[in-house]
Amino acid sequence: MRLTRKLTIAAFAGALALATAIPAYSADLIAIITPAHDNPFFKAEAVGAEAKAKELGYEALVMTHDDDANKQSEMIDTAIGRGAKAIILDNAGADASVAAVKKAKDAGIPSFLIDREINATGVAVAQIVSNNYQGAQLGAQEFVKLMGEKGNYVELVGKESDTNAGIRSQGYHDVIDDYPDLKLVAKQSANWSQTEAYSKMETILQANPDIKGVISGNDTMAMGAIAALQAAGRKDVIVVGFDGSNDVRDSIKSDGIKATVLQPAYAQAQLAVEQADAYIKNKTTPKEEKQLMDCVLVNADNADKLETFALTN
């Protein structure tokens, strides 16, 4: 009898030890995967999604893929292994991310994409993105006005694998190209990077000292450009960005960057979590997989109202 009791206790202890060795599994987990948080836009996405997930009673698993598709795939594996109920994803490439999102779908985990589209439909439940074309046209119209419809200018483009980079550039040119006295003298990718934009701007400025304006595919590159221009003593060059970051807000208020285009990162991420919650609880899907949220121009007139990628009343 004693031997049986000892064996039972030992078996129980072994089972307990095994259970503690298994990675935590949550029945109410939402995985939130974005690019690196050193870009305030992506950090705002993660913060907004995590706050909404916790508000709705979920555990949140927040990860960053650093725009590395292989790392993103590993994080999707982690979400699958943890038994996530849904994935909120700002992806690492329109083409490179399709397989990862499909892998999650095949494992029974729905994905809700934010900010960036993928080049496939029917794989994610939702793709919630800013109306980048509409926003770019707003920014371009303001740029044309600030430039007085003439002068040499530079365009800094985002990461070429990112669909948004191309859409924004097209939106810019569909407005600016109607003004023949606006001359594009340099167009280069700075890969959404402030450091790279600073370096590229230094080189471009040396080759084109007569530039009058810079239009940028995002605020991070705009901040790099304005820093390089200020270091060269060129406070006369007009810079316009895209995103609506607090850094650019402050630059606008100090008469640095002249304007940006606000895309609602925080609200977008929260909407994705709300749609994920509806899907988890009731299998409710949005009316349309691809959903566009309009952008808003931010300049000296309304910069005071901008806070964490949202305009306050």
C-alpha atoms as a PDB file:
ATOM      1  CA  MET A   1       0.000   0.000   0.000  1.00  0.00           C
ATOM      2  CA  ARG A   2       2.848   2.372   0.919  1.00  0.00           C
ATOM      3  CA  LEU A   3       4.607   1.595  -2.361  1.00  0.00           C
ATOM      4  CA  THR A   4       1.437   2.342  -4.327  1.00  0.00           C
ATOM      5  CA  ARG A   5       1.002   5.640  -2.471  1.00  0.00           C
ATOM      6  CA  LYS A   6       4.625   6.622  -3.120  1.00  0.00           C
ATOM      7  CA  LEU A   7       4.283   5.812  -6.815  1.00  0.00           C
ATOM      8  CA  THR A   8       1.087   7.860  -7.027  1.00  0.00           C
ATOM      9  CA  ILE A   9       2.751  10.868  -5.372  1.00  0.00           C
ATOM     10  CA  ALA A  10       5.797  10.511  -7.619  1.00  0.00           C
ATOM     11  CA  ALA A  11       3.605  10.330 -10.729  1.00  0.00           C
ATOM     12  CA  PHE A  12       1.685  13.417  -9.634  1.00  0.00           C
ATOM     13  CA  ALA A  13       4.915  15.315  -8.965  1.00  0.00           C
ATOM     14  CA  GLY A  14       6.270  14.276 -12.360  1.00  0.00           C
ATOM     15  CA  ALA A  15       3.119  15.396 -14.116  1.00  0.00           C
ATOM     16  CA  LEU A  16       3.226  18.729 -12.282  1.00  0.00           C
ATOM     17  CA  ALA A  17       6.857  19.246 -13.285  1.00  0.00           C
ATOM     18  CA  LEU A  18       6.032  18.414 -16.911  1.00  0.00           C
ATOM     19  CA  ALA A  19       3.132  20.842 -16.904  1.00  0.00           C
ATOM     20  CA  THR A  20       5.337  23.682 -15.674  1.00  0.00           C
ATOM     21  CA  ALA A  21       7.889  22.910 -18.388  1.00  0.00           C
ATOM     22  CA  ILE A  22       5.352  23.337 -21.219  1.00  0.00           C
ATOM     23  CA  PRO A  23       5.145  26.900 -22.647  1.00  0.00           C
ATOM     24  CA  ALA A  24       2.173  28.889 -21.357  1.00  0.00           C
ATOM     25  CA  TYR A  25      -0.979  28.227 -23.360  1.00  0.00           C
ATOM     26  CA  SER A  26      -3.796  30.736 -23.168  1.00  0.00           C
ATOM     27  CA  ALA A  27      -7.333  30.064 -24.284  1.00  0.00           C
ATOM     28  CA  ASP A  28      -7.831  33.828 -24.667  1.00  0.00           C
ATOM     29  CA  LEU A  29      -4.673  35.029 -26.357  1.00  0.00           C
ATOM     30  CA  ILE A  30      -4.330  37.570 -29.172  1.00  0.00           C
ATOM     31  CA  ALA A  31      -0.911  37.862 -30.841  1.00  0.00           C
ATOM     32  CA  ILE A  32       0.123  41.358 -31.967  1.00  0.00           C
ATOM     33  CA  ILE A  33       2.998  41.435 -34.477  1.00  0.00           C
ATOM     34  CA  THR A  34       4.409  44.668 -35.942  1.00  0.00           C
ATOM     35  CA  PRO A  35       7.670  46.106 -37.239  1.00  0.00           C
ATOM     36  CA  ALA A  36      10.145  47.480 -34.669  1.00  0.00           C
ATOM     37  CA  HIS A  37       8.864  49.923 -32.053  1.00  0.00           C
ATOM     38  CA  ASP A  38      11.687  52.410 -32.597  1.00  0.00           C
ATOM     39  CA  ASN A  39       9.336  53.797 -35.244  1.00  0.00           C
ATOM     40  CA  PRO A  40       6.598  55.553 -33.192  1.00  0.00           C
ATOM     41  CA  PHE A  41       3.944  54.606 -35.741  1.00  0.00           C
ATOM     42  CA  PHE A  42       4.447  50.888 -35.168  1.00  0.00           C
ATOM     43  CA  LYS A  43       4.690  51.379 -31.421  1.00  0.00           C
ATOM     44  CA  ALA A  44       1.342  53.195 -31.474  1.00  0.00           C
ATOM     45  CA  GLU A  45      -0.181  50.244 -33.337  1.00  0.00           C
ATOM     46  CA  ALA A  46       1.084  47.789 -30.732  1.00  0.00           C
ATOM     47  CA  VAL A  47       0.015  49.955 -27.794  1.00  0.00           C
ATOM     48  CA  GLY A  48      -3.456  50.506 -29.266  1.00  0.00           C
ATOM     49  CA  ALA A  49      -4.008  46.833 -30.063  1.00  0.00           C
ATOM     50  CA  GLU A  50      -2.727  45.651 -26.690  1.00  0.00           C
ATOM     51  CA  ALA A  51      -4.903  48.144 -24.794  1.00  0.00           C
ATOM     52  CA  LYS A  52      -8.036  47.081 -26.698  1.00  0.00           C
ATOM     53  CA  ALA A  53      -7.237  43.370 -26.305  1.00  0.00           C
ATOM     54  CA  LYS A  54      -6.872  43.722 -22.527  1.00  0.00           C
ATOM     55  CA  GLU A  55     -10.014  45.859 -22.352  1.00  0.00           C
ATOM     56  CA  LEU A  56     -11.922  43.019 -24.044  1.00  0.00           C
ATOM     57  CA  GLY A  57     -10.502  40.427 -21.639  1.00  0.00           C
ATOM     58  CA  TYR A  58      -7.688  38.891 -23.680  1.00  0.00           C
ATOM     59  CA  GLU A  59      -4.066  38.230 -22.919  1.00  0.00           C
ATOM     60  CA  ALA A  60      -1.820  40.007 -25.439  1.00  0.00           C
ATOM     61  CA  LEU A  61       1.399  38.604 -26.876  1.00  0.00           C
ATOM     62  CA  VAL A  62       3.312  41.530 -28.441  1.00  0.00           C
ATOM     63  CA  MET A  63       6.175  40.774 -30.855  1.00  0.00           C
ATOM     64  CA  THR A  64       8.208  42.686 -33.461  1.00  0.00           C
ATOM     65  CA  HIS A  65       9.526  41.241 -36.722  1.00  0.00           C
ATOM     66  CA  ASP A  66      11.838  44.120 -37.751  1.00  0.00           C
ATOM     67  CA  ASP A  67      10.606  43.823 -41.362  1.00  0.00           C
ATOM     68  CA  ASP A  68      12.222  40.394 -41.559  1.00  0.00           C
ATOM     69  CA  ALA A  69       9.872  37.895 -43.244  1.00  0.00           C
ATOM     70  CA  ASN A  70      11.720  34.901 -41.742  1.00  0.00           C
ATOM     71  CA  LYS A  71      11.435  36.335 -38.249  1.00  0.00           C
ATOM     72  CA  GLN A  72       7.761  37.060 -38.923  1.00  0.00           C
ATOM     73  CA  SER A  73       7.229  33.420 -39.901  1.00  0.00           C
ATOM     74  CA  GLU A  74       8.806  32.291 -36.635  1.00  0.00           C
ATOM     75  CA  MET A  75       6.483  34.601 -34.718  1.00  0.00           C
ATOM     76  CA  ILE A  76       3.464  33.176 -36.522  1.00  0.00           C
ATOM     77  CA  ASP A  77       4.733  29.740 -35.405  1.00  0.00           C
ATOM     78  CA  THR A  78       4.933  31.056 -31.841  1.00  0.00           C
ATOM     79  CA  ALA A  79       1.354  32.336 -32.037  1.00  0.00           C
ATOM     80  CA  ILE A  80       0.200  28.967 -33.372  1.00  0.00           C
ATOM     81  CA  GLY A  81       2.126  27.115 -30.665  1.00  0.00           C
ATOM     82  CA  ARG A  82       0.627  29.318 -27.971  1.00  0.00           C
ATOM     83  CA  GLY A  83      -2.874  28.645 -29.248  1.00  0.00           C
ATOM     84  CA  ALA A  84      -3.647  32.267 -30.119  1.00  0.00           C
ATOM     85  CA  LYS A  85      -7.246  32.973 -30.986  1.00  0.00           C
ATOM     86  CA  ALA A  86      -6.287  35.673 -33.505  1.00  0.00           C
ATOM     87  CA  ILE A  87      -3.296  37.503 -34.926  1.00  0.00           C
ATOM     88  CA  ILE A  88      -3.086  41.270 -35.442  1.00  0.00           C
ATOM     89  CA  LEU A  89      -0.347  41.820 -38.020  1.00  0.00           C
ATOM     90  CA  ASP A  90       1.441  44.744 -39.635  1.00  0.00           C
ATOM     91  CA  ASN A  91       3.283  42.569 -42.099  1.00  0.00           C
ATOM     92  CA  ALA A  92       6.870  42.300 -43.344  1.00  0.00           C
ATOM     93  CA  GLY A  93       6.178  42.426 -47.076  1.00  0.00           C
ATOM     94  CA  ALA A  94       3.222  42.257 -49.451  1.00  0.00           C
ATOM     95  CA  ASP A  95       4.466  39.093 -51.168  1.00  0.00           C
ATOM     96  CA  ALA A  96       6.705  37.619 -48.479  1.00  0.00           C
ATOM     97  CA  SER A  97       3.920  37.565 -45.870  1.00  0.00           C
ATOM     98  CA  VAL A  98       1.285  35.620 -47.802  1.00  0.00           C
ATOM     99  CA  ALA A  99       2.648  32.201 -46.829  1.00  0.00           C
ATOM    100  CA  ALA A 100       2.871  33.114 -43.136  1.00  0.00           C
ATOM    101  CA  VAL A 101      -0.712  34.393 -43.016  1.00  0.00           C
ATOM    102  CA  LYS A 102      -1.890  31.283 -44.862  1.00  0.00           C
ATOM    103  CA  LYS A 103      -0.005  29.112 -42.364  1.00  0.00           C
ATOM    104  CA  ALA A 104      -1.953  30.753 -39.543  1.00  0.00           C
ATOM    105  CA  LYS A 105      -5.236  30.270 -41.412  1.00  0.00           C
ATOM    106  CA  ASP A 106      -4.469  26.581 -42.001  1.00  0.00           C
ATOM    107  CA  ALA A 107      -3.851  26.250 -38.249  1.00  0.00           C
ATOM    108  CA  GLY A 108      -7.307  27.719 -37.576  1.00  0.00           C
ATOM    109  CA  ILE A 109      -6.050  31.153 -36.474  1.00  0.00           C
ATOM    110  CA  PRO A 110      -7.562  34.195 -38.220  1.00  0.00           C
ATOM    111  CA  SER A 111      -5.328  37.128 -39.127  1.00  0.00           C
ATOM    112  CA  PHE A 112      -6.364  40.773 -39.087  1.00  0.00           C
ATOM    113  CA  LEU A 113      -3.905  42.905 -41.030  1.00  0.00           C
ATOM    114  CA  ILE A 114      -3.283  46.567 -40.309  1.00  0.00           C
ATOM    115  CA  ASP A 115      -1.408  49.356 -42.130  1.00  0.00           C
ATOM    116  CA  ARG A 116       0.017  47.182 -44.940  1.00  0.00           C
ATOM    117  CA  GLU A 117      -1.818  44.968 -47.397  1.00  0.00           C
ATOM    118  CA  ILE A 118      -0.639  41.621 -48.708  1.00  0.00           C
ATOM    119  CA  ASN A 119      -0.873  40.610 -52.364  1.00  0.00           C
ATOM    120  CA  ALA A 120      -3.608  38.047 -51.776  1.00  0.00           C
ATOM    121  CA  THR A 121      -7.239  38.012 -50.736  1.00  0.00           C
ATOM    122  CA  GLY A 122      -9.166  35.343 -48.856  1.00  0.00           C
ATOM    123  CA  VAL A 123      -6.163  34.515 -46.662  1.00  0.00           C
ATOM    124  CA  ALA A 124      -6.637  37.148 -43.945  1.00  0.00           C
ATOM    125  CA  VAL A 125     -10.062  37.873 -42.459  1.00  0.00           C
ATOM    126  CA  ALA A 126      -9.447  41.615 -42.690  1.00  0.00           C
ATOM    127  CA  GLN A 127      -6.953  44.048 -44.191  1.00  0.00           C
ATOM    128  CA  ILE A 128      -7.484  47.425 -42.518  1.00  0.00           C
ATOM    129  CA  VAL A 129      -5.269  50.088 -44.060  1.00  0.00           C
ATOM    130  CA  SER A 130      -5.075  53.827 -44.371  1.00  0.00           C
ATOM    131  CA  ASN A 131      -6.304  55.267 -47.635  1.00  0.00           C
ATOM    132  CA  ASN A 132      -2.718  55.907 -48.671  1.00  0.00           C
ATOM    133  CA  TYR A 133      -3.598  57.244 -52.114  1.00  0.00           C
ATOM    134  CA  GLN A 134      -6.120  59.737 -50.715  1.00  0.00           C
ATOM    135  CA  GLY A 135      -3.647  60.764 -48.007  1.00  0.00           C
ATOM    136  CA  ALA A 136      -0.803  61.181 -50.474  1.00  0.00           C
ATOM    137  CA  GLN A 137      -2.942  63.441 -52.615  1.00  0.00           C
ATOM    138  CA  LEU A 138      -3.694  65.604 -49.566  1.00  0.00           C
ATOM    139  CA  GLY A 139       0.012  65.852 -48.805  1.00  0.00           C
ATOM    140  CA  ALA A 140       0.887  66.596 -52.427  1.00  0.00           C
ATOM    141  CA  GLN A 141      -1.719  69.350 -52.675  1.00  0.00           C
ATOM    142  CA  GLU A 142      -0.263  71.011 -49.586  1.00  0.00           C
ATOM    143  CA  PHE A 143       3.263  70.558 -50.943  1.00  0.00           C
ATOM    144  CA  VAL A 144       2.334  72.220 -54.248  1.00  0.00           C
ATOM    145  CA  LYS A 145       0.789  75.128 -52.358  1.00  0.00           C
ATOM    146  CA  LEU A 146       3.826  75.556 -50.081  1.00  0.00           C
ATOM    147  CA  MET A 147       6.172  75.392 -53.078  1.00  0.00           C
ATOM    148  CA  GLY A 148       4.238  78.096 -54.894  1.00  0.00           C
ATOM    149  CA  GLU A 149       3.745  75.612 -57.775  1.00  0.00           C
ATOM    150  CA  LYS A 150       7.387  75.807 -58.866  1.00  0.00           C
ATOM    151  CA  GLY A 151      10.926  74.784 -57.994  1.00  0.00           C
ATOM    152  CA  ASN A 152      13.218  71.763 -57.829  1.00  0.00           C
ATOM    153  CA  TYR A 153      12.263  69.083 -55.355  1.00  0.00           C
ATOM    154  CA  VAL A 154      13.311  65.696 -53.978  1.00  0.00           C
ATOM    155  CA  GLU A 155      11.212  62.626 -53.139  1.00  0.00           C
ATOM    156  CA  LEU A 156      12.224  60.140 -50.442  1.00  0.00           C
ATOM    157  CA  VAL A 157      10.492  56.793 -50.982  1.00  0.00           C
ATOM    158  CA  GLY A 158       9.857  54.016 -48.470  1.00  0.00           C
ATOM    159  CA  LYS A 159      10.830  50.348 -48.583  1.00  0.00           C
ATOM    160  CA  GLU A 160      10.295  49.046 -52.100  1.00  0.00           C
ATOM    161  CA  SER A 161       8.768  45.745 -50.895  1.00  0.00           C
ATOM    162  CA  ASP A 162       6.050  47.691 -49.068  1.00  0.00           C
ATOM    163  CA  THR A 163       2.930  48.313 -51.146  1.00  0.00           C
ATOM    164  CA  ASN A 164       2.299  51.572 -49.265  1.00  0.00           C
ATOM    165  CA  ALA A 165       5.543  53.069 -50.573  1.00  0.00           C
ATOM    166  CA  GLY A 166       4.405  52.730 -54.171  1.00  0.00           C
ATOM    167  CA  ILE A 167       0.838  53.871 -53.517  1.00  0.00           C
ATOM    168  CA  ARG A 168       1.981  57.024 -51.718  1.00  0.00           C
ATOM    169  CA  SER A 169       4.496  57.856 -54.436  1.00  0.00           C
ATOM    170  CA  GLN A 170       1.807  57.427 -57.099  1.00  0.00           C
ATOM    171  CA  GLY A 171      -0.578  59.644 -55.139  1.00  0.00           C
ATOM    172  CA  TYR A 172       2.080  62.331 -54.866  1.00  0.00           C
ATOM    173  CA  HIS A 173       2.874  62.287 -58.561  1.00  0.00           C
ATOM    174  CA  ASP A 174      -0.735  62.219 -59.732  1.00  0.00           C
ATOM    175  CA  VAL A 175      -0.978  65.701 -58.199  1.00  0.00           C
ATOM    176  CA  ILE A 176       2.525  67.174 -58.522  1.00  0.00           C
ATOM    177  CA  ASP A 177       3.066  66.088 -62.127  1.00  0.00           C
ATOM    178  CA  ASP A 178       0.255  68.413 -63.208  1.00  0.00           C
ATOM    179  CA  TYR A 179       2.562  71.354 -62.382  1.00  0.00           C
ATOM    180  CA  PRO A 180       5.297  71.571 -65.060  1.00  0.00           C
ATOM    181  CA  ASP A 181       7.340  74.106 -63.082  1.00  0.00           C
ATOM    182  CA  LEU A 182       7.852  71.589 -60.267  1.00  0.00           C
ATOM    183  CA  LYS A 183      10.962  69.598 -61.211  1.00  0.00           C
ATOM    184  CA  LEU A 184      11.867  66.275 -59.593  1.00  0.00           C
ATOM    185  CA  VAL A 185      15.685  66.266 -59.403  1.00  0.00           C
ATOM    186  CA  ALA A 186      16.179  63.204 -57.168  1.00  0.00           C
ATOM    187  CA  LYS A 187      14.051  60.260 -56.084  1.00  0.00           C
ATOM    188  CA  GLN A 188      15.607  57.732 -53.711  1.00  0.00           C
ATOM    189  CA  SER A 189      14.465  55.073 -51.251  1.00  0.00           C
ATOM    190  CA  ALA A 190      15.513  55.577 -47.639  1.00  0.00           C
ATOM    191  CA  ASN A 191      13.641  52.417 -46.538  1.00  0.00           C
ATOM    192  CA  TRP A 192      11.477  54.238 -43.974  1.00  0.00           C
ATOM    193  CA  SER A 193      14.685  54.957 -41.975  1.00  0.00           C
ATOM    194  CA  GLN A 194      15.587  58.274 -40.327  1.00  0.00           C
ATOM    195  CA  THR A 195      19.309  57.495 -40.342  1.00  0.00           C
ATOM    196  CA  GLU A 196      19.262  56.477 -43.995  1.00  0.00           C
ATOM    197  CA  ALA A 197      17.203  59.523 -44.940  1.00  0.00           C
ATOM    198  CA  TYR A 198      19.757  61.787 -43.239  1.00  0.00           C
ATOM    199  CA  SER A 199      22.584  60.204 -45.208  1.00  0.00           C
ATOM    200  CA  LYS A 200      20.681  60.251 -48.511  1.00  0.00           C
ATOM    201  CA  MET A 201      19.654  63.870 -47.975  1.00  0.00           C
ATOM    202  CA  GLU A 202      23.255  64.940 -47.370  1.00  0.00           C
ATOM    203  CA  THR A 203      24.330  63.362 -50.669  1.00  0.00           C
ATOM    204  CA  ILE A 204      21.371  64.706 -52.637  1.00  0.00           C
ATOM    205  CA  LEU A 205      21.914  68.206 -51.270  1.00  0.00           C
ATOM    206  CA  GLN A 206      25.541  68.213 -52.354  1.00  0.00           C
ATOM    207  CA  ALA A 207      24.528  67.261 -55.902  1.00  0.00           C
ATOM    208  CA  ASN A 208      21.460  69.547 -55.982  1.00  0.00           C
ATOM    209  CA  PRO A 209      22.100  72.637 -53.836  1.00  0.00           C
ATOM    210  CA  ASP A 210      19.238  74.512 -55.495  1.00  0.00           C
ATOM    211  CA  ILE A 211      16.431  72.281 -54.183  1.00  0.00           C
ATOM    212  CA  LYS A 212      13.411  74.020 -52.740  1.00  0.00           C
ATOM    213  CA  GLY A 213      11.409  71.097 -51.329  1.00  0.00           C
ATOM    214  CA  VAL A 214      11.388  67.497 -50.085  1.00  0.00           C
ATOM    215  CA  ILE A 215       8.318  65.265 -50.047  1.00  0.00           C
ATOM    216  CA  SER A 216       8.715  62.106 -47.999  1.00  0.00           C
ATOM    217  CA  GLY A 217       6.920  58.767 -47.915  1.00  0.00           C
ATOM    218  CA  ASN A 218       6.820  58.799 -44.111  1.00  0.00           C
ATOM    219  CA  ASP A 219       7.550  61.007 -41.107  1.00  0.00           C
ATOM    220  CA  THR A 220      10.624  59.084 -40.013  1.00  0.00           C
ATOM    221  CA  MET A 221      12.388  59.850 -43.297  1.00  0.00           C
ATOM    222  CA  ALA A 222      11.107  63.432 -43.148  1.00  0.00           C
ATOM    223  CA  MET A 223      12.777  63.807 -39.742  1.00  0.00           C
ATOM    224  CA  GLY A 224      16.057  62.550 -41.204  1.00  0.00           C
ATOM    225  CA  ALA A 225      15.743  64.961 -44.126  1.00  0.00           C
ATOM    226  CA  ILE A 226      15.016  68.021 -41.989  1.00  0.00           C
ATOM    227  CA  ALA A 227      17.937  67.171 -39.691  1.00  0.00           C
ATOM    228  CA  ALA A 228      20.325  67.014 -42.657  1.00  0.00           C
ATOM    229  CA  LEU A 229      18.960  70.241 -44.101  1.00  0.00           C
ATOM    230  CA  GLN A 230      19.251  72.061 -40.786  1.00  0.00           C
ATOM    231  CA  ALA A 231      22.799  70.768 -40.319  1.00  0.00           C
ATOM    232  CA  ALA A 232      23.606  72.322 -43.705  1.00  0.00           C
ATOM    233  CA  GLY A 233      21.983  75.598 -42.702  1.00  0.00           C
ATOM    234  CA  ARG A 234      19.140  75.121 -45.199  1.00  0.00           C
ATOM    235  CA  LYS A 235      16.098  76.319 -43.311  1.00  0.00           C
ATOM    236  CA  ASP A 236      14.566  77.511 -46.577  1.00  0.00           C
ATOM    237  CA  VAL A 237      13.717  74.007 -47.876  1.00  0.00           C
ATOM    238  CA  ILE A 238      10.088  72.871 -47.505  1.00  0.00           C
ATOM    239  CA  VAL A 239       9.630  69.355 -46.087  1.00  0.00           C
ATOM    240  CA  VAL A 240       6.341  67.413 -46.030  1.00  0.00           C
ATOM    241  CA  GLY A 241       5.934  63.991 -44.405  1.00  0.00           C
ATOM    242  CA  PHE A 242       3.335  61.261 -44.008  1.00  0.00           C
ATOM    243  CA  ASP A 243       2.114  59.479 -40.818  1.00  0.00           C
ATOM    244  CA  GLY A 244       1.200  62.086 -38.217  1.00  0.00           C
ATOM    245  CA  SER A 245       3.839  61.404 -35.563  1.00  0.00           C
ATOM    246  CA  ASN A 246       4.372  63.474 -32.435  1.00  0.00           C
ATOM    247  CA  ASP A 247       7.944  64.170 -33.563  1.00  0.00           C
ATOM    248  CA  VAL A 248       6.724  65.813 -36.756  1.00  0.00           C
ATOM    249  CA  ARG A 249       3.977  67.617 -34.847  1.00  0.00           C
ATOM    250  CA  ASP A 250       6.666  69.206 -32.697  1.00  0.00           C
ATOM    251  CA  SER A 251       8.750  70.024 -35.776  1.00  0.00           C
ATOM    252  CA  ILE A 252       5.765  71.723 -37.403  1.00  0.00           C
ATOM    253  CA  LYS A 253       5.181  73.782 -34.262  1.00  0.00           C
ATOM    254  CA  SER A 254       8.837  74.895 -34.271  1.00  0.00           C
ATOM    255  CA  ASP A 255       8.687  75.866 -37.982  1.00  0.00           C
ATOM    256  CA  GLY A 256      10.720  72.906 -39.220  1.00  0.00           C
ATOM    257  CA  ILE A 257       8.700  70.381 -41.238  1.00  0.00           C
ATOM    258  CA  LYS A 258       5.715  72.158 -42.780  1.00  0.00           C
ATOM    259  CA  ALA A 259       3.053  69.427 -42.946  1.00  0.00           C
ATOM    260  CA  THR A 260       2.282  65.738 -42.635  1.00  0.00           C
ATOM    261  CA  VAL A 261      -0.607  63.405 -43.383  1.00  0.00           C
ATOM    262  CA  LEU A 262      -2.178  61.686 -40.392  1.00  0.00           C
ATOM    263  CA  GLN A 263      -3.021  58.020 -40.739  1.00  0.00           C
ATOM    264  CA  PRO A 264      -4.881  56.711 -37.671  1.00  0.00           C
ATOM    265  CA  ALA A 265      -2.486  53.993 -36.475  1.00  0.00           C
ATOM    266  CA  TYR A 266      -3.907  53.678 -32.960  1.00  0.00           C
ATOM    267  CA  ALA A 267      -7.559  53.598 -34.058  1.00  0.00           C
ATOM    268  CA  GLN A 268      -6.742  51.192 -36.893  1.00  0.00           C
ATOM    269  CA  ALA A 269      -5.144  48.701 -34.521  1.00  0.00           C
ATOM    270  CA  GLN A 270      -8.034  48.943 -32.074  1.00  0.00           C
ATOM    271  CA  LEU A 271     -10.562  48.353 -34.856  1.00  0.00           C
ATOM    272  CA  ALA A 272      -8.651  45.223 -35.867  1.00  0.00           C
ATOM    273  CA  VAL A 273      -8.877  43.858 -32.315  1.00  0.00           C
ATOM    274  CA  GLU A 274     -12.603  44.652 -32.173  1.00  0.00           C
ATOM    275  CA  GLN A 275     -13.136  42.724 -35.408  1.00  0.00           C
ATOM    276  CA  ALA A 276     -11.015  39.861 -34.099  1.00  0.00           C
ATOM    277  CA  ASP A 277     -13.137  39.756 -30.947  1.00  0.00           C
ATOM    278  CA  ALA A 278     -16.342  39.605 -33.005  1.00  0.00           C
ATOM    279  CA  TYR A 279     -14.877  36.773 -35.068  1.00  0.00           C
ATOM    280  CA  ILE A 280     -13.664  34.812 -32.028  1.00  0.00           C
ATOM    281  CA  LYS A 281     -16.980  35.082 -30.193  1.00  0.00           C
ATOM    282  CA  ASN A 282     -19.514  34.913 -33.021  1.00  0.00           C
ATOM    283  CA  LYS A 283     -17.580  34.068 -36.226  1.00  0.00           C
ATOM    284  CA  THR A 284     -18.646  37.504 -37.460  1.00  0.00           C
ATOM    285  CA  THR A 285     -16.604  38.717 -40.420  1.00  0.00           C
ATOM    286  CA  PRO A 286     -16.400  42.298 -41.714  1.00  0.00           C
ATOM    287  CA  LYS A 287     -18.476  43.162 -44.782  1.00  0.00           C
ATOM    288  CA  GLU A 288     -15.303  43.733 -46.772  1.00  0.00           C
ATOM    289  CA  GLU A 289     -11.894  42.157 -46.245  1.00  0.00           C
ATOM    290  CA  LYS A 290     -10.084  45.291 -47.467  1.00  0.00           C
ATOM    291  CA  GLN A 291     -11.092  48.362 -45.511  1.00  0.00           C
ATOM    292  CA  LEU A 292      -9.786  51.892 -46.078  1.00  0.00           C
ATOM    293  CA  MET A 293      -9.559  54.590 -43.402  1.00  0.00           C
ATOM    294  CA  ASP A 294      -9.196  58.146 -44.697  1.00  0.00           C
ATOM    295  CA  CYS A 295      -6.211  60.299 -43.767  1.00  0.00           C
ATOM    296  CA  VAL A 296      -6.158  63.931 -42.568  1.00  0.00           C
ATOM    297  CA  LEU A 297      -3.763  66.758 -43.418  1.00  0.00           C
ATOM    298  CA  VAL A 298      -1.851  68.158 -40.444  1.00  0.00           C
ATOM    299  CA  ASN A 299      -0.117  71.542 -40.657  1.00  0.00           C
ATOM    300  CA  ALA A 300       0.421  74.588 -38.467  1.00  0.00           C
ATOM    301  CA  ASP A 301      -3.357  75.119 -38.283  1.00  0.00           C
ATOM    302  CA  ASN A 302      -4.136  71.901 -36.404  1.00  0.00           C
ATOM    303  CA  ALA A 303      -0.811  70.483 -35.168  1.00  0.00           C
ATOM    304  CA  ASP A 304      -1.734  71.393 -31.574  1.00  0.00           C
ATOM    305  CA  LYS A 305      -4.550  68.827 -31.739  1.00  0.00           C
ATOM    306  CA  LEU A 306      -2.312  65.928 -32.784  1.00  0.00           C
ATOM    307  CA  GLU A 307      -1.420  63.324 -30.149  1.00  0.00           C
ATOM    308  CA  THR A 308      -0.193  59.770 -30.741  1.00  0.00           C
ATOM    309  CA  PHE A 309      -1.523  59.458 -34.309  1.00  0.00           C
ATOM    310  CA  ALA A 310      -4.934  60.887 -33.482  1.00  0.00           C
ATOM    311  CA  LEU A 311      -6.512  64.346 -33.577  1.00  0.00           C
ATOM    312  CA  THR A 312      -8.149  65.494 -30.352  1.00  0.00           C
ATOM    313  CA  ASN A 313     -11.244  67.689 -30.347  1.00  0.00           C
END
